[in-house]
PDB file of N, CA and C in Angstrom:
ATOM      1  N   MET A   1       9.620  13.251 -29.508  1.00  0.00           N
ATOM      2  CA  MET A   1       8.193  12.994 -29.549  1.00  0.00           C
ATOM      3  C   MET A   1       7.897  11.735 -28.746  1.00  0.00           C
ATOM      4  N   PRO A   2       6.843  11.768 -27.960  1.00  0.00           N
ATOM      5  CA  PRO A   2       6.496  10.601 -27.144  1.00  0.00           C
ATOM      6  C   PRO A   2       5.853   9.484 -27.958  1.00  0.00           C
ATOM      7  N   ILE A   3       5.960   8.305 -27.417  1.00  0.00           N
ATOM      8  CA  ILE A   3       5.326   7.130 -28.016  1.00  0.00           C
ATOM      9  C   ILE A   3       4.114   6.781 -27.161  1.00  0.00           C
ATOM     10  N   TYR A   4       2.955   6.758 -27.762  1.00  0.00           N
ATOM     11  CA  TYR A   4       1.716   6.437 -27.055  1.00  0.00           C
ATOM     12  C   TYR A   4       1.296   5.011 -27.384  1.00  0.00           C
ATOM     13  N   GLU A   5       0.764   4.324 -26.372  1.00  0.00           N
ATOM     14  CA  GLU A   5       0.274   2.967 -26.561  1.00  0.00           C
ATOM     15  C   GLU A   5      -1.246   3.001 -26.596  1.00  0.00           C
ATOM     16  N   TYR A   6      -1.811   2.307 -27.566  1.00  0.00           N
ATOM     17  CA  TYR A   6      -3.262   2.248 -27.741  1.00  0.00           C
ATOM     18  C   TYR A   6      -3.726   0.804 -27.683  1.00  0.00           C
ATOM     19  N   GLU A   7      -5.009   0.627 -27.326  1.00  0.00           N
ATOM     20  CA  GLU A   7      -5.617  -0.696 -27.286  1.00  0.00           C
ATOM     21  C   GLU A   7      -6.994  -0.630 -27.933  1.00  0.00           C
ATOM     22  N   CYS A   8      -7.301  -1.620 -28.755  1.00  0.00           N
ATOM     23  CA  CYS A   8      -8.606  -1.699 -29.403  1.00  0.00           C
ATOM     24  C   CYS A   8      -9.471  -2.676 -28.617  1.00  0.00           C
ATOM     25  N   PRO A   9     -10.588  -2.217 -28.039  1.00  0.00           N
ATOM     26  CA  PRO A   9     -11.445  -3.135 -27.276  1.00  0.00           C
ATOM     27  C   PRO A   9     -12.184  -4.138 -28.165  1.00  0.00           C
ATOM     28  N   ALA A  10     -12.348  -3.822 -29.447  1.00  0.00           N
ATOM     29  CA  ALA A  10     -13.075  -4.722 -30.353  1.00  0.00           C
ATOM     30  C   ALA A  10     -12.269  -5.974 -30.686  1.00  0.00           C
ATOM     31  N   CYS A  11     -10.983  -5.802 -31.018  1.00  0.00           N
ATOM     32  CA  CYS A  11     -10.179  -6.964 -31.423  1.00  0.00           C
ATOM     33  C   CYS A  11      -9.062  -7.297 -30.432  1.00  0.00           C
ATOM     34  N   GLY A  12      -8.834  -6.429 -29.439  1.00  0.00           N
ATOM     35  CA  GLY A  12      -7.808  -6.696 -28.428  1.00  0.00           C
ATOM     36  C   GLY A  12      -6.395  -6.366 -28.873  1.00  0.00           C
ATOM     37  N   THR A  13      -6.233  -5.727 -30.004  1.00  0.00           N
ATOM     38  CA  THR A  13      -4.911  -5.372 -30.513  1.00  0.00           C
ATOM     39  C   THR A  13      -4.335  -4.206 -29.722  1.00  0.00           C
ATOM     40  N   THR A  14      -3.069  -4.319 -29.343  1.00  0.00           N
ATOM     41  CA  THR A  14      -2.363  -3.188 -28.741  1.00  0.00           C
ATOM     42  C   THR A  14      -1.278  -2.753 -29.715  1.00  0.00           C
ATOM     43  N   PHE A  15      -1.111  -1.453 -29.859  1.00  0.00           N
ATOM     44  CA  PHE A  15      -0.110  -0.918 -30.779  1.00  0.00           C
ATOM     45  C   PHE A  15       0.396   0.406 -30.255  1.00  0.00           C
ATOM     46  N   GLU A  16       1.546   0.816 -30.754  1.00  0.00           N
ATOM     47  CA  GLU A  16       2.174   2.066 -30.349  1.00  0.00           C
ATOM     48  C   GLU A  16       2.194   3.038 -31.523  1.00  0.00           C
ATOM     49  N   GLN A  17       2.126   4.329 -31.176  1.00  0.00           N
ATOM     50  CA  GLN A  17       2.120   5.363 -32.211  1.00  0.00           C
ATOM     51  C   GLN A  17       2.944   6.549 -31.717  1.00  0.00           C
ATOM     52  N   VAL A  18       3.870   7.025 -32.537  1.00  0.00           N
ATOM     53  CA  VAL A  18       4.652   8.220 -32.226  1.00  0.00           C
ATOM     54  C   VAL A  18       3.819   9.426 -32.613  1.00  0.00           C
ATOM     55  N   GLN A  19       3.572  10.321 -31.634  1.00  0.00           N
ATOM     56  CA  GLN A  19       2.743  11.504 -31.878  1.00  0.00           C
ATOM     57  C   GLN A  19       3.317  12.714 -31.160  1.00  0.00           C
ATOM     58  N   HIS A  20       2.974  13.899 -31.650  1.00  0.00           N
ATOM     59  CA  HIS A  20       3.295  15.136 -30.949  1.00  0.00           C
ATOM     60  C   HIS A  20       2.370  15.271 -29.737  1.00  0.00           C
ATOM     61  N   PHE A  21       2.765  16.112 -28.799  1.00  0.00           N
ATOM     62  CA  PHE A  21       1.935  16.338 -27.618  1.00  0.00           C
ATOM     63  C   PHE A  21       0.570  16.922 -27.982  1.00  0.00           C
ATOM     64  N   ASN A  22       0.538  17.775 -28.970  1.00  0.00           N
ATOM     65  CA  ASN A  22      -0.713  18.453 -29.304  1.00  0.00           C
ATOM     66  C   ASN A  22      -1.536  17.722 -30.367  1.00  0.00           C
ATOM     67  N   ASP A  23      -1.108  16.543 -30.806  1.00  0.00           N
ATOM     68  CA  ASP A  23      -1.904  15.754 -31.759  1.00  0.00           C
ATOM     69  C   ASP A  23      -3.114  15.137 -31.059  1.00  0.00           C
ATOM     70  N   ALA A  24      -4.192  15.015 -31.796  1.00  0.00           N
ATOM     71  CA  ALA A  24      -5.401  14.389 -31.252  1.00  0.00           C
ATOM     72  C   ALA A  24      -5.171  12.874 -31.113  1.00  0.00           C
ATOM     73  N   PRO A  25      -5.795  12.248 -30.106  1.00  0.00           N
ATOM     74  CA  PRO A  25      -5.657  10.795 -29.953  1.00  0.00           C
ATOM     75  C   PRO A  25      -6.229  10.060 -31.165  1.00  0.00           C
ATOM     76  N   LEU A  26      -5.686   8.880 -31.442  1.00  0.00           N
ATOM     77  CA  LEU A  26      -6.174   8.089 -32.570  1.00  0.00           C
ATOM     78  C   LEU A  26      -7.583   7.584 -32.293  1.00  0.00           C
ATOM     79  N   GLN A  27      -8.339   7.372 -33.358  1.00  0.00           N
ATOM     80  CA  GLN A  27      -9.714   6.900 -33.237  1.00  0.00           C
ATOM     81  C   GLN A  27      -9.903   5.511 -33.837  1.00  0.00           C
ATOM     82  N   GLN A  28      -8.905   5.023 -34.615  1.00  0.00           N
ATOM     83  CA  GLN A  28      -9.078   3.786 -35.357  1.00  0.00           C
ATOM     84  C   GLN A  28      -7.825   2.916 -35.210  1.00  0.00           C
ATOM     85  N   CYS A  29      -8.005   1.606 -35.021  1.00  0.00           N
ATOM     86  CA  CYS A  29      -6.880   0.675 -34.912  1.00  0.00           C
ATOM     87  C   CYS A  29      -6.403   0.271 -36.306  1.00  0.00           C
ATOM     88  N   PRO A  30      -5.220  -0.354 -36.411  1.00  0.00           N
ATOM     89  CA  PRO A  30      -4.715  -0.769 -37.724  1.00  0.00           C
ATOM     90  C   PRO A  30      -5.629  -1.771 -38.439  1.00  0.00           C
ATOM     91  N   ASN A  31      -6.478  -2.486 -37.687  1.00  0.00           N
ATOM     92  CA  ASN A  31      -7.400  -3.446 -38.297  1.00  0.00           C
ATOM     93  C   ASN A  31      -8.695  -2.801 -38.780  1.00  0.00           C
ATOM     94  N   GLY A  32      -8.861  -1.489 -38.541  1.00  0.00           N
ATOM     95  CA  GLY A  32     -10.031  -0.781 -39.052  1.00  0.00           C
ATOM     96  C   GLY A  32     -11.151  -0.582 -38.044  1.00  0.00           C
ATOM     97  N   HIS A  33     -11.009  -1.059 -36.814  1.00  0.00           N
ATOM     98  CA  HIS A  33     -12.057  -0.874 -35.799  1.00  0.00           C
ATOM     99  C   HIS A  33     -11.971   0.525 -35.196  1.00  0.00           C
ATOM    100  N   HIS A  34     -13.115   1.066 -34.838  1.00  0.00           N
ATOM    101  CA  HIS A  34     -13.166   2.387 -34.215  1.00  0.00           C
ATOM    102  C   HIS A  34     -13.284   2.239 -32.701  1.00  0.00           C
ATOM    103  N   GLY A  35     -12.902   3.285 -32.000  1.00  0.00           N
ATOM    104  CA  GLY A  35     -13.070   3.318 -30.552  1.00  0.00           C
ATOM    105  C   GLY A  35     -11.848   2.854 -29.771  1.00  0.00           C
ATOM    106  N   VAL A  36     -10.639   3.085 -30.308  1.00  0.00           N
ATOM    107  CA  VAL A  36      -9.436   2.698 -29.570  1.00  0.00           C
ATOM    108  C   VAL A  36      -9.264   3.616 -28.373  1.00  0.00           C
ATOM    109  N   ARG A  37      -8.566   3.121 -27.379  1.00  0.00           N
ATOM    110  CA  ARG A  37      -8.317   3.936 -26.189  1.00  0.00           C
ATOM    111  C   ARG A  37      -6.830   3.957 -25.899  1.00  0.00           C
ATOM    112  N   ARG A  38      -6.366   5.063 -25.343  1.00  0.00           N
ATOM    113  CA  ARG A  38      -4.955   5.219 -24.991  1.00  0.00           C
ATOM    114  C   ARG A  38      -4.694   4.499 -23.675  1.00  0.00           C
ATOM    115  N   VAL A  39      -3.635   3.723 -23.647  1.00  0.00           N
ATOM    116  CA  VAL A  39      -3.260   2.972 -22.443  1.00  0.00           C
ATOM    117  C   VAL A  39      -2.176   3.761 -21.726  1.00  0.00           C
ATOM    118  N   PHE A  40      -2.398   4.049 -20.453  1.00  0.00           N
ATOM    119  CA  PHE A  40      -1.418   4.783 -19.656  1.00  0.00           C
ATOM    120  C   PHE A  40      -0.593   3.783 -18.854  1.00  0.00           C
ATOM    121  N   THR A  41       0.718   3.858 -19.013  1.00  0.00           N
ATOM    122  CA  THR A  41       1.629   2.990 -18.285  1.00  0.00           C
ATOM    123  C   THR A  41       2.574   3.847 -17.463  1.00  0.00           C
ATOM    124  N   PRO A  42       3.046   3.337 -16.333  1.00  0.00           N
ATOM    125  CA  PRO A  42       3.973   4.133 -15.522  1.00  0.00           C
ATOM    126  C   PRO A  42       5.311   4.313 -16.238  1.00  0.00           C
ATOM    127  N   ALA A  43       5.878   5.459 -16.054  1.00  0.00           N
ATOM    128  CA  ALA A  43       7.167   5.756 -16.684  1.00  0.00           C
ATOM    129  C   ALA A  43       8.283   5.062 -15.922  1.00  0.00           C
ATOM    130  N   GLY A  44       9.276   4.598 -16.644  1.00  0.00           N
ATOM    131  CA  GLY A  44      10.437   3.983 -16.004  1.00  0.00           C
ATOM    132  C   GLY A  44      11.338   5.056 -15.425  1.00  0.00           C
ATOM    133  N   ILE A  45      11.590   4.974 -14.130  1.00  0.00           N
ATOM    134  CA  ILE A  45      12.421   5.972 -13.462  1.00  0.00           C
ATOM    135  C   ILE A  45      13.686   5.283 -12.963  1.00  0.00           C
ATOM    136  N   ILE A  46      14.820   5.858 -13.252  1.00  0.00           N
ATOM    137  CA  ILE A  46      16.095   5.325 -12.785  1.00  0.00           C
ATOM    138  C   ILE A  46      16.735   6.376 -11.891  1.00  0.00           C
ATOM    139  N   PHE A  47      16.970   6.009 -10.632  1.00  0.00           N
ATOM    140  CA  PHE A  47      17.629   6.909  -9.694  1.00  0.00           C
ATOM    141  C   PHE A  47      19.128   6.667  -9.775  1.00  0.00           C
ATOM    142  N   LYS A  48      19.867   7.702 -10.103  1.00  0.00           N
ATOM    143  CA  LYS A  48      21.319   7.584 -10.181  1.00  0.00           C
ATOM    144  C   LYS A  48      21.944   8.501  -9.144  1.00  0.00           C
ATOM    145  N   GLY A  49      23.087   8.115  -8.666  1.00  0.00           N
ATOM    146  CA  GLY A  49      23.812   8.928  -7.703  1.00  0.00           C
ATOM    147  C   GLY A  49      23.603   8.451  -6.288  1.00  0.00           C
ATOM    148  N   SER A  50      24.204   9.152  -5.351  1.00  0.00           N
ATOM    149  CA  SER A  50      24.092   8.759  -3.948  1.00  0.00           C
ATOM    150  C   SER A  50      22.801   9.309  -3.356  1.00  0.00           C
ATOM    151  N   GLY A  51      22.393   8.739  -2.255  1.00  0.00           N
ATOM    152  CA  GLY A  51      21.224   9.229  -1.555  1.00  0.00           C
ATOM    153  C   GLY A  51      19.981   8.393  -1.742  1.00  0.00           C
ATOM    154  N   PHE A  52      20.069   7.232  -2.377  1.00  0.00           N
ATOM    155  CA  PHE A  52      18.896   6.430  -2.631  1.00  0.00           C
ATOM    156  C   PHE A  52      18.980   5.058  -1.962  1.00  0.00           C
ATOM    157  N   TYR A  53      19.816   4.930  -0.957  1.00  0.00           N
ATOM    158  CA  TYR A  53      19.970   3.656  -0.277  1.00  0.00           C
ATOM    159  C   TYR A  53      19.558   3.802   1.179  1.00  0.00           C
ATOM    160  N   THR A  54      19.206   2.714   1.830  1.00  0.00           N
ATOM    161  CA  THR A  54      18.782   2.779   3.228  1.00  0.00           C
ATOM    162  C   THR A  54      19.923   3.212   4.131  1.00  0.00           C
ATOM    163  N   THR A  55      21.157   2.975   3.735  1.00  0.00           N
ATOM    164  CA  THR A  55      22.288   3.394   4.557  1.00  0.00           C
ATOM    165  C   THR A  55      22.529   4.892   4.475  1.00  0.00           C
ATOM    166  N   ASP A  56      21.897   5.569   3.544  1.00  0.00           N
ATOM    167  CA  ASP A  56      22.094   7.006   3.384  1.00  0.00           C
ATOM    168  C   ASP A  56      21.100   7.845   4.176  1.00  0.00           C
ATOM    169  N   TYR A  57      20.153   7.211   4.864  1.00  0.00           N
ATOM    170  CA  TYR A  57      19.180   7.980   5.638  1.00  0.00           C
ATOM    171  C   TYR A  57      19.827   8.545   6.888  1.00  0.00           C
ATOM    172  N   ARG A  58      19.222   9.580   7.402  1.00  0.00           N
ATOM    173  CA  ARG A  58      19.726  10.247   8.593  1.00  0.00           C
ATOM    174  C   ARG A  58      19.655   9.312   9.786  1.00  0.00           C
ATOM    175  N   ARG A  59      20.657   9.345  10.596  1.00  0.00           N
ATOM    176  CA  ARG A  59      20.703   8.483  11.774  1.00  0.00           C
ATOM    177  C   ARG A  59      20.350   9.279  13.027  1.00  0.00           C
ATOM    178  N   ASN A  60      20.313   8.590  14.159  1.00  0.00           N
ATOM    179  CA  ASN A  60      20.049   9.256  15.433  1.00  0.00           C
ATOM    180  C   ASN A  60      21.158  10.256  15.739  1.00  0.00           C
ATOM    181  N   GLY A  61      20.954  11.086  16.740  1.00  0.00           N
ATOM    182  CA  GLY A  61      21.899  12.134  17.080  1.00  0.00           C
ATOM    183  C   GLY A  61      23.290  11.644  17.432  1.00  0.00           C
ATOM    184  N   ASN A  62      23.411  10.436  18.023  1.00  0.00           N
ATOM    185  CA  ASN A  62      24.727   9.948  18.418  1.00  0.00           C
ATOM    186  C   ASN A  62      25.428   9.183  17.296  1.00  0.00           C
ATOM    187  N   GLY A  63      24.836   9.111  16.119  1.00  0.00           N
ATOM    188  CA  GLY A  63      25.465   8.453  14.988  1.00  0.00           C
ATOM    189  C   GLY A  63      25.142   6.981  14.867  1.00  0.00           C
ATOM    190  N   ASN A  64      24.426   6.421  15.843  1.00  0.00           N
ATOM    191  CA  ASN A  64      24.041   5.014  15.790  1.00  0.00           C
ATOM    192  C   ASN A  64      22.602   4.894  15.333  1.00  0.00           C
ATOM    193  N   SER A  65      22.278   3.799  14.691  1.00  0.00           N
ATOM    194  CA  SER A  65      20.915   3.588  14.235  1.00  0.00           C
ATOM    195  C   SER A  65      20.151   2.652  15.165  1.00  0.00           C
ATOM    196  N   GLU A  66      20.709   2.306  16.312  1.00  0.00           N
ATOM    197  CA  GLU A  66      20.029   1.385  17.224  1.00  0.00           C
ATOM    198  C   GLU A  66      19.040   2.130  18.113  1.00  0.00           C
ATOM    199  N   ASN A  67      18.140   1.403  18.735  1.00  0.00           N
ATOM    200  CA  ASN A  67      17.117   2.006  19.578  1.00  0.00           C
ATOM    201  C   ASN A  67      17.734   2.606  20.833  1.00  0.00           C
ATOM    202  N   LYS A  68      17.049   3.573  21.423  1.00  0.00           N
ATOM    203  CA  LYS A  68      17.545   4.204  22.638  1.00  0.00           C
ATOM    204  C   LYS A  68      17.569   3.215  23.796  1.00  0.00           C
ATOM    205  N   SER A  69      16.562   2.347  23.869  1.00  0.00           N
ATOM    206  CA  SER A  69      16.508   1.390  24.967  1.00  0.00           C
ATOM    207  C   SER A  69      17.665   0.395  24.879  1.00  0.00           C
ATOM    208  N   GLU A  70      18.026  -0.008  23.670  1.00  0.00           N
ATOM    209  CA  GLU A  70      19.153  -0.922  23.496  1.00  0.00           C
ATOM    210  C   GLU A  70      20.452  -0.262  23.917  1.00  0.00           C
ATOM    211  N   SER A  71      20.641   1.000  23.537  1.00  0.00           N
ATOM    212  CA  SER A  71      21.878   1.687  23.890  1.00  0.00           C
ATOM    213  C   SER A  71      21.932   1.942  25.393  1.00  0.00           C
ATOM    214  N   LYS A  72      20.783   2.181  26.029  1.00  0.00           N
ATOM    215  CA  LYS A  72      20.747   2.388  27.472  1.00  0.00           C
ATOM    216  C   LYS A  72      21.125   1.105  28.201  1.00  0.00           C
ATOM    217  N   GLU A  73      20.592  -0.040  27.744  1.00  0.00           N
ATOM    218  CA  GLU A  73      20.921  -1.316  28.351  1.00  0.00           C
ATOM    219  C   GLU A  73      22.400  -1.629  28.196  1.00  0.00           C
ATOM    220  N   LYS A  74      22.969  -1.335  27.058  1.00  0.00           N
ATOM    221  CA  LYS A  74      24.385  -1.588  26.826  1.00  0.00           C
ATOM    222  C   LYS A  74      25.249  -0.733  27.747  1.00  0.00           C
ATOM    223  N   SER A  75      24.868   0.535  27.917  1.00  0.00           N
ATOM    224  CA  SER A  75      25.666   1.415  28.777  1.00  0.00           C
ATOM    225  C   SER A  75      25.566   0.992  30.237  1.00  0.00           C
ATOM    226  N   GLU A  76      24.377   0.510  30.664  1.00  0.00           N
ATOM    227  CA  GLU A  76      24.218   0.036  32.035  1.00  0.00           C
ATOM    228  C   GLU A  76      25.036  -1.219  32.280  1.00  0.00           C
ATOM    229  N   SER A  77      25.009  -2.164  31.333  1.00  0.00           N
ATOM    230  CA  SER A  77      25.772  -3.395  31.507  1.00  0.00           C
ATOM    231  C   SER A  77      27.267  -3.109  31.448  1.00  0.00           C
ATOM    232  N   LYS A  78      27.684  -2.140  30.664  1.00  0.00           N
ATOM    233  CA  LYS A  78      29.087  -1.763  30.587  1.00  0.00           C
ATOM    234  C   LYS A  78      29.533  -1.134  31.898  1.00  0.00           C
ATOM    235  N   ALA A  79      28.670  -0.305  32.488  1.00  0.00           N
ATOM    236  CA  ALA A  79      29.002   0.339  33.760  1.00  0.00           C
ATOM    237  C   ALA A  79      29.114  -0.700  34.874  1.00  0.00           C
ATOM    238  N   LYS A  80      28.237  -1.698  34.882  1.00  0.00           N
ATOM    239  CA  LYS A  80      28.284  -2.757  35.892  1.00  0.00           C
ATOM    240  C   LYS A  80      29.566  -3.584  35.769  1.00  0.00           C
ATOM    241  N   SER A  81      29.973  -3.866  34.565  1.00  0.00           N
ATOM    242  CA  SER A  81      31.184  -4.685  34.376  1.00  0.00           C
ATOM    243  C   SER A  81      32.436  -3.898  34.756  1.00  0.00           C
ATOM    244  N   GLU A  82      32.451  -2.586  34.633  1.00  0.00           N
ATOM    245  CA  GLU A  82      33.597  -1.773  34.994  1.00  0.00           C
ATOM    246  C   GLU A  82      33.715  -1.663  36.506  1.00  0.00           C
ATOM    247  N   THR A  83      32.615  -1.700  37.251  1.00  0.00           N
ATOM    248  CA  THR A  83      32.660  -1.560  38.705  1.00  0.00           C
ATOM    249  C   THR A  83      33.072  -2.854  39.395  1.00  0.00           C
ATOM    250  N   LYS A  84      33.047  -3.966  38.722  1.00  0.00           N
ATOM    251  CA  LYS A  84      33.406  -5.265  39.354  1.00  0.00           C
ATOM    252  C   LYS A  84      34.872  -5.418  39.506  1.00  0.00           C
TER     253      LYS A  84
END
Protein backbone atom coordinates (compact mmCIF):
# COMPACT_ATOMS: atom_id res chain seq x y z
CA MET A 1 0.00 0.00 0.00
CA PRO A 2 1.33 3.44 -0.86
CA ILE A 3 2.06 6.17 1.63
CA TYR A 4 0.46 9.51 0.78
CA GLU A 5 1.65 12.84 2.11
CA TYR A 6 -0.91 15.49 3.05
CA GLU A 7 -0.64 19.15 4.01
CA CYS A 8 -3.12 21.29 5.94
CA PRO A 9 -3.23 24.88 4.64
CA ALA A 10 -4.92 26.10 7.85
CA CYS A 11 -2.21 25.06 10.33
CA GLY A 12 0.68 24.09 8.01
CA THR A 13 0.91 20.54 9.35
CA THR A 14 2.26 17.89 6.99
CA PHE A 15 1.55 14.23 7.69
CA GLU A 16 1.64 10.86 5.97
CA GLN A 17 -1.13 8.29 5.67
CA VAL A 18 -1.01 4.69 4.41
CA GLN A 19 -3.98 4.15 2.07
CA HIS A 20 -5.19 1.80 -0.64
CA PHE A 21 -5.19 3.06 -4.21
CA ASN A 22 -8.97 3.15 -4.32
CA ASP A 23 -9.45 4.93 -0.96
CA ALA A 24 -10.81 8.46 -1.05
CA PRO A 25 -8.36 11.27 -0.16
CA LEU A 26 -8.45 12.51 3.43
CA GLN A 27 -10.50 15.60 4.20
CA GLN A 28 -9.35 16.41 7.75
CA CYS A 29 -5.91 16.88 9.38
CA PRO A 30 -4.97 15.34 12.76
CA ASN A 31 -5.57 18.76 14.38
CA GLY A 32 -9.21 18.79 13.20
CA HIS A 33 -8.98 21.31 10.33
CA HIS A 34 -10.79 20.59 7.08
CA GLY A 35 -9.50 21.07 3.56
CA VAL A 36 -6.22 19.12 3.54
CA ARG A 37 -4.54 18.58 0.21
CA ARG A 38 -2.40 15.72 -1.07
CA VAL A 39 1.22 16.66 -1.72
CA PHE A 40 2.79 15.07 -4.79
CA THR A 41 6.51 14.39 -4.54
CA PRO A 42 8.78 12.83 -7.16
CA ALA A 43 9.49 9.16 -6.71
CA GLY A 44 13.02 8.09 -5.88
CA ILE A 45 14.47 6.21 -8.84
CA ILE A 46 17.65 4.15 -8.58
CA PHE A 47 19.28 3.01 -11.81
CA LYS A 48 21.17 -0.23 -11.33
CA GLY A 49 23.29 -2.10 -13.81
CA SER A 50 25.37 -1.05 -16.77
CA GLY A 51 24.31 1.47 -19.36
CA PHE A 52 23.78 4.56 -17.21
CA TYR A 53 27.18 6.21 -17.48
CA THR A 54 28.54 8.69 -20.02
CA THR A 55 31.21 6.18 -21.03
CA ASP A 56 28.50 3.73 -22.08
CA TYR A 57 27.05 5.93 -24.84
CA ARG A 58 27.57 5.04 -28.46
CA ARG A 59 30.73 6.40 -29.98
CA ASN A 60 31.60 7.52 -33.50
CA GLY A 61 32.04 4.90 -36.23
CA ASN A 62 35.82 4.62 -35.77
CA GLY A 63 35.51 3.95 -32.02
CA ASN A 64 36.85 7.35 -30.96
CA SER A 65 34.79 10.02 -29.27
CA GLU A 66 36.84 12.94 -30.62
CA ASN A 67 35.64 15.39 -33.26
CA LYS A 68 36.17 14.66 -36.95
CA SER A 69 38.15 17.86 -37.44
CA GLU A 70 40.53 16.92 -34.62
CA SER A 71 41.11 13.46 -36.05
CA LYS A 72 41.66 14.94 -39.53
CA GLU A 73 44.27 17.38 -38.18
CA LYS A 74 46.04 14.57 -36.34
CA SER A 75 46.16 12.38 -39.46
CA GLU A 76 47.51 15.28 -41.55
CA SER A 77 50.23 16.11 -39.03
CA LYS A 78 51.12 12.42 -38.76
CA ALA A 79 51.41 12.16 -42.55
CA LYS A 80 53.67 15.24 -42.68
CA SER A 81 55.99 13.87 -40.01
CA GLU A 82 56.29 10.51 -41.83
CA THR A 83 57.31 12.20 -45.12
CA LYS A 84 60.20 14.15 -43.51
